[in-house]
Protein backbone atom coordinates (compact mmCIF):
# COMPACT_ATOMS: atom_id res chain seq x y z
CA UNK A 1 92.07 88.73 115.97
CA UNK A 2 89.56 91.30 114.80
CA UNK A 3 86.61 89.87 112.93
CA UNK A 4 84.19 91.98 110.96
CA UNK A 5 81.09 91.44 108.91
CA UNK A 6 80.49 93.05 105.53
CA UNK A 7 77.13 93.72 103.90
CA UNK A 8 76.88 94.44 100.20
CA UNK A 9 74.09 97.02 100.51
CA UNK A 10 71.13 97.87 102.68
CA UNK A 11 68.79 95.62 100.74
CA UNK A 12 71.11 92.63 100.60
CA UNK A 13 71.07 90.47 103.70
CA UNK A 14 73.85 88.23 102.47
CA UNK A 15 76.67 88.23 105.01
CA UNK A 16 80.22 87.97 103.81
CA UNK A 17 82.35 85.54 105.80
CA UNK A 18 85.56 87.55 105.87
CA UNK A 19 88.00 88.93 108.44
CA UNK A 20 91.42 90.42 108.91
CA UNK A 21 93.22 87.06 108.92
CA UNK A 22 93.27 87.22 105.13
CA UNK A 23 95.22 90.48 105.23
CA UNK A 24 97.50 89.14 107.96
CA UNK A 25 98.24 86.09 105.85
CA UNK A 26 99.22 88.30 102.92
CA UNK A 27 101.57 90.20 105.22
CA UNK A 28 103.12 86.93 106.39
CA UNK A 29 103.89 86.11 102.77
CA UNK A 30 106.36 89.02 102.72
CA UNK A 31 108.91 86.67 104.26
CA UNK A 32 109.69 85.35 100.75
CA UNK A 33 111.59 87.15 98.01
CA UNK A 34 109.08 86.10 95.36
CA UNK A 35 106.29 87.91 97.26
CA UNK A 36 108.09 91.24 97.06
CA UNK A 37 108.89 90.85 93.39
CA UNK A 38 105.35 89.90 92.43
CA UNK A 39 103.65 92.51 94.60
CA UNK A 40 105.92 95.25 93.29
CA UNK A 41 105.18 94.25 89.70
CA UNK A 42 101.44 94.14 90.38
CA UNK A 43 101.62 97.61 91.91
CA UNK A 44 103.47 98.86 88.84
CA UNK A 45 100.83 97.43 86.52
CA UNK A 46 97.96 98.92 88.50
CA UNK A 47 99.62 102.32 88.73
CA UNK A 48 100.48 102.49 85.03
CA UNK A 49 97.20 101.11 83.65
CA UNK A 50 94.07 103.25 83.75
CA UNK A 51 91.74 100.39 82.78
CA UNK A 52 90.87 97.86 85.49
CA UNK A 53 90.19 95.25 82.82
CA UNK A 54 93.53 95.77 81.09
CA UNK A 55 95.37 95.68 84.42
CA UNK A 56 93.62 92.46 85.44
CA UNK A 57 94.51 90.77 82.14
CA UNK A 58 98.17 91.68 82.49
CA UNK A 59 98.33 90.58 86.13
CA UNK A 60 96.65 87.26 85.31
CA UNK A 61 99.30 86.59 82.65
CA UNK A 62 102.04 87.55 85.12
CA UNK A 63 100.73 85.18 87.80
CA UNK A 64 100.36 82.31 85.34
CA UNK A 65 103.97 82.77 84.26
CA UNK A 66 105.11 82.77 87.88
CA UNK A 67 103.20 79.57 88.59
CA UNK A 68 104.79 77.86 85.60
CA UNK A 69 108.21 78.93 86.90
CA UNK A 70 107.47 77.55 90.36
CA UNK A 71 106.15 74.31 88.87
CA UNK A 72 109.31 73.80 86.82
CA UNK A 73 111.43 74.45 89.90
CA UNK A 74 109.49 71.98 92.05
CA UNK A 75 109.62 69.34 89.32
CA UNK A 76 113.42 69.32 89.06
CA UNK A 77 114.40 70.25 92.62
CA UNK A 78 113.25 68.19 95.59
CA UNK A 79 112.36 69.77 98.92
CA UNK A 80 114.89 69.32 101.71
CA UNK A 81 112.27 68.07 104.13
CA UNK A 82 108.55 68.08 104.92
CA UNK A 83 108.78 71.47 106.63
CA UNK A 84 110.13 73.12 103.46
CA UNK A 85 107.39 71.49 101.38
CA UNK A 86 104.69 72.80 103.73
CA UNK A 87 106.26 76.27 103.64
CA UNK A 88 106.15 76.26 99.85
CA UNK A 89 102.52 75.19 99.42
CA UNK A 90 101.17 77.08 102.42
CA UNK A 91 102.89 80.40 101.69
CA UNK A 92 105.14 80.71 98.62
CA UNK A 93 102.76 79.27 96.02
CA UNK A 94 99.83 81.15 97.57
CA UNK A 95 101.16 84.49 96.35
CA UNK A 96 100.68 84.01 92.60
CA UNK A 97 97.74 81.65 93.07
CA UNK A 98 95.68 84.05 95.20
CA UNK A 99 96.35 86.90 92.79
CA UNK A 100 95.55 84.73 89.77
CA UNK A 101 92.16 83.70 91.14
CA UNK A 102 91.36 87.16 92.51
CA UNK A 103 92.11 89.03 89.29
CA UNK A 104 90.31 86.37 87.26
CA UNK A 105 87.23 86.99 89.40
CA UNK A 106 87.73 90.75 89.14
CA UNK A 107 87.99 90.52 85.34
CA UNK A 108 84.85 88.41 85.09
CA UNK A 109 82.99 90.82 87.36
CA UNK A 110 84.04 93.93 85.43
CA UNK A 111 83.20 92.36 82.07
CA UNK A 112 79.68 91.62 83.30
CA UNK A 113 79.26 94.76 85.39
CA UNK A 114 76.58 97.24 84.24
CA UNK A 115 78.00 100.70 83.69
CA UNK A 116 75.91 102.94 85.98
CA UNK A 117 72.83 100.83 86.66
CA UNK A 118 72.90 100.53 90.45
CA UNK A 119 69.99 98.10 90.62
CA UNK A 120 71.56 95.75 88.07
CA UNK A 121 74.91 96.04 89.84
CA UNK A 122 73.37 95.11 93.18
CA UNK A 123 71.68 92.12 91.56
CA UNK A 124 74.98 90.92 90.10
CA UNK A 125 76.84 91.40 93.39
CA UNK A 126 74.12 89.63 95.35
CA UNK A 127 74.27 86.61 93.02
CA UNK A 128 78.05 86.37 93.21
CA UNK A 129 78.04 86.91 96.98
CA UNK A 130 75.56 84.08 97.42
CA UNK A 131 77.88 81.69 95.58
CA UNK A 132 80.95 82.78 97.53
CA UNK A 133 79.18 82.54 100.88
CA UNK A 134 77.99 79.03 100.05
CA UNK A 135 81.60 78.13 99.24
CA UNK A 136 82.85 79.63 102.51
CA UNK A 137 80.23 77.76 104.53
CA UNK A 138 81.27 74.51 102.86
CA UNK A 139 84.81 74.99 104.17
CA UNK A 140 84.14 76.62 107.55
CA UNK A 141 86.31 74.17 109.51
CA UNK A 142 89.32 74.69 107.25
CA UNK A 143 88.89 78.48 107.37
CA UNK A 144 88.90 78.31 111.18
CA UNK A 145 92.00 76.12 111.07
CA UNK A 146 93.87 78.70 108.99
CA UNK A 147 92.49 81.68 110.88
CA UNK A 148 93.66 80.26 114.21
CA UNK A 149 97.10 79.57 112.67
CA UNK A 150 96.99 75.90 113.60
CA UNK A 151 99.50 73.49 112.11
CA UNK A 152 98.70 69.97 113.33
CA UNK A 153 97.16 69.01 109.96
CA UNK A 154 99.68 70.85 107.79
CA UNK A 155 101.30 67.65 106.57
CA UNK A 156 97.92 66.45 105.33
CA UNK A 157 96.83 69.81 103.88
CA UNK A 158 100.09 71.12 102.42
CA UNK A 159 102.17 68.16 101.28
CA UNK A 160 101.62 66.06 98.17
CA UNK A 161 100.88 62.86 100.08
CA UNK A 162 97.14 63.54 100.15
CA UNK A 163 96.30 65.17 96.82
CA UNK A 164 92.55 65.55 96.35
CA UNK A 165 90.78 67.63 93.67
CA UNK A 166 88.55 69.98 95.68
CA UNK A 167 87.04 72.21 93.02
CA UNK A 168 86.71 72.30 89.30
CA UNK A 169 87.51 75.88 88.28
CA UNK A 170 90.80 77.53 87.28
CA UNK A 171 92.48 74.40 85.95
CA UNK A 172 95.35 74.88 83.52
CA UNK A 173 97.70 71.90 83.42
CA UNK A 174 99.88 73.06 86.31
CA UNK A 175 96.84 72.69 88.55
CA UNK A 176 96.41 69.06 87.51
CA UNK A 177 100.03 68.11 88.16
CA UNK A 178 100.23 65.92 91.31
CA UNK A 179 103.80 67.11 91.83
CA UNK A 180 102.67 70.73 92.08
CA UNK A 181 99.51 70.45 94.15
CA UNK A 182 98.36 69.39 97.59
CA UNK A 183 94.88 68.65 98.88
CA UNK A 184 94.33 72.16 100.24
CA UNK A 185 96.76 74.68 98.72
CA UNK A 186 94.41 75.64 95.88
CA UNK A 187 91.47 75.61 98.25
CA UNK A 188 93.22 78.06 100.58
CA UNK A 189 94.12 80.30 97.65
CA UNK A 190 90.53 80.37 96.46
CA UNK A 191 89.24 81.22 99.93
CA UNK A 192 91.60 84.19 100.18
CA UNK A 193 90.83 85.33 96.65
CA UNK A 194 87.11 85.04 97.34
CA UNK A 195 87.38 87.27 100.37
CA UNK A 196 89.26 89.85 98.33
CA UNK A 197 86.63 89.62 95.60
CA UNK A 198 83.83 90.21 98.13
CA UNK A 199 85.55 93.33 99.42
CA UNK A 200 86.07 94.57 95.86
CA UNK A 201 82.40 94.09 94.99
CA UNK A 202 81.26 95.85 98.16
CA UNK A 203 83.48 98.82 97.33
CA UNK A 204 82.21 98.77 93.75
CA UNK A 205 78.62 99.17 94.94
CA UNK A 206 79.54 101.96 97.35
CA UNK A 207 81.51 103.88 94.75
CA UNK A 208 78.60 103.56 92.29
CA UNK A 209 76.21 104.94 94.91
CA UNK A 210 78.54 107.87 95.55
CA UNK A 211 78.93 108.55 91.84
CA UNK A 212 75.26 109.45 91.54
CA UNK A 213 76.28 112.95 92.62
CA UNK A 214 79.46 113.58 90.70
CA UNK A 215 81.83 116.51 90.74
CA UNK A 216 83.61 118.06 87.78
CA UNK A 217 87.02 116.94 89.04
CA UNK A 218 88.73 113.77 87.83
CA UNK A 219 91.75 112.04 89.32
CA UNK A 220 94.13 111.51 86.40
CA UNK A 221 97.08 110.07 88.26
CA UNK A 222 97.31 106.45 89.46
CA UNK A 223 95.42 104.49 92.11
CA UNK A 224 98.65 103.98 94.04
CA UNK A 225 99.31 107.74 94.10
CA UNK A 226 95.87 108.52 95.51
CA UNK A 227 96.29 105.76 98.10
CA UNK A 228 99.55 107.39 99.23
CA UNK A 229 97.65 110.64 99.72
CA UNK A 230 94.83 108.93 101.63
CA UNK A 231 97.22 107.23 104.03
CA UNK A 232 99.31 110.38 104.48
CA UNK A 233 96.21 112.33 105.56
CA UNK A 234 95.16 109.46 107.82
CA UNK A 235 98.47 109.05 109.68
CA UNK A 236 98.95 112.83 109.95
CA UNK A 237 95.53 113.06 111.67
CA UNK A 238 94.76 116.06 109.45
CA UNK A 239 91.05 115.26 109.03
CA UNK A 240 88.42 115.37 111.79
CA UNK A 241 91.17 115.74 114.42
CA UNK A 242 92.43 112.29 113.52
CA UNK A 243 89.05 110.61 114.01
CA UNK A 244 88.40 109.92 110.31
CA UNK A 245 88.96 106.33 109.18
CA UNK A 246 90.91 105.37 106.09
CA UNK A 247 87.74 104.12 104.45
CA UNK A 248 85.98 107.47 105.02
CA UNK A 249 88.86 109.44 103.55
CA UNK A 250 89.08 107.09 100.57
CA UNK A 251 85.36 107.36 99.84
CA UNK A 252 85.52 111.16 100.03
CA UNK A 253 88.31 111.22 97.45
CA UNK A 254 86.47 108.75 95.23
CA UNK A 255 83.42 110.99 95.25
CA UNK A 256 85.39 114.20 94.80
CA UNK A 257 87.56 112.94 91.95
CA UNK A 258 85.22 110.45 90.21
CA UNK A 259 87.74 107.68 90.77
CA UNK A 260 87.35 104.17 92.18
CA UNK A 261 90.10 103.27 94.64
CA UNK A 262 88.88 99.79 95.53
CA UNK A 263 90.66 98.03 98.38
CA UNK A 264 92.98 100.68 99.83
CA UNK A 265 94.56 98.27 102.28
CA UNK A 266 95.63 95.91 99.51
CA UNK A 267 97.16 98.80 97.56
CA UNK A 268 98.93 99.92 100.75
CA UNK A 269 100.51 96.45 101.08
CA UNK A 270 101.80 96.83 97.52
CA UNK A 271 103.26 100.24 98.42
CA UNK A 272 105.01 98.69 101.44
CA UNK A 273 106.51 96.05 99.14
CA UNK A 274 108.44 98.70 97.20
CA UNK A 275 112.17 98.41 97.69
CA UNK A 276 112.68 102.18 97.46
CA UNK A 277 110.73 105.43 97.04
CA UNK A 278 107.78 104.12 99.03
CA UNK A 279 106.16 107.57 99.18
CA UNK A 280 107.03 108.36 95.57
CA UNK A 281 103.95 110.46 94.80
CA UNK A 282 104.16 112.46 98.03
CA UNK A 283 107.85 113.13 97.43
CA UNK A 284 107.00 114.39 93.95
CA UNK A 285 104.27 116.67 95.36
CA UNK A 286 106.71 118.14 97.87
CA UNK A 287 109.35 118.66 95.20
CA UNK A 288 106.98 120.35 92.75
CA UNK A 289 105.53 122.64 95.42
CA UNK A 290 109.00 123.69 96.59
CA UNK A 291 110.01 124.31 92.99
CA UNK A 292 106.91 126.44 92.41
CA UNK A 293 107.55 128.48 95.58
CA UNK A 294 111.15 129.12 94.55
CA UNK A 295 110.01 130.33 91.13
CA UNK A 296 107.46 132.62 92.76
CA UNK A 297 110.16 134.15 94.96
CA UNK A 298 112.50 134.73 92.03
């Protein structure tokens, strides 16, 4: 397991308690059909919506609908055994729940985010980071339990025998239903969403710093399309003899095209969730170039 530390900016000494286990957990979720459907739809929304705020609002509504559907299903259909119940609350329900909390945090952040005031942005990020880090420290033992992929307490954490209300935010009625909650499923979702939010805020600060020296070029296609291009250049080793990291390439494109990519890895997971045409933008580029060459030869 690779563990890394993230710092918001040079002046902020707040350490973010985050690591790759969050991403690995999201990949593990791909075992369920509902994961693919939801991730594909989220990718479609993000690629077709230019406004981060509008995209977040639509995704929040989508996740709420999915949670209501899962709640109705659980209410009328009993689990076959304890193992199936654990699987549902530990993995299946996490998919819409993590996205709901993450995009709710993202929406709140963007609504309160100063346009181009770097100092004010850093102040906002530092305040939010402090709250998240305090939350992570409060649940260090549980985070270690999940990170190490332990399972000896799963019956206590992810079945409805031990329902305890751990936190008081994000509580529509489906979160209060004892038949649709366990003691730790919402807690685990919030931890994962918090880690995603921390990464988003870090990237937001970096992109704002880079935007101080802007170019006259603007990326007018989608975030998913630019992510395809970033990963294609990375895997082809076309930059710096293959020594450039994905993050470096992404930041260069953000600066060049005045466009905020955010968490490239998360977008890449959404691309992988596509059932077909995974490299849709790159295929279109190849087609259009070939078409242009043929016209030039005519």
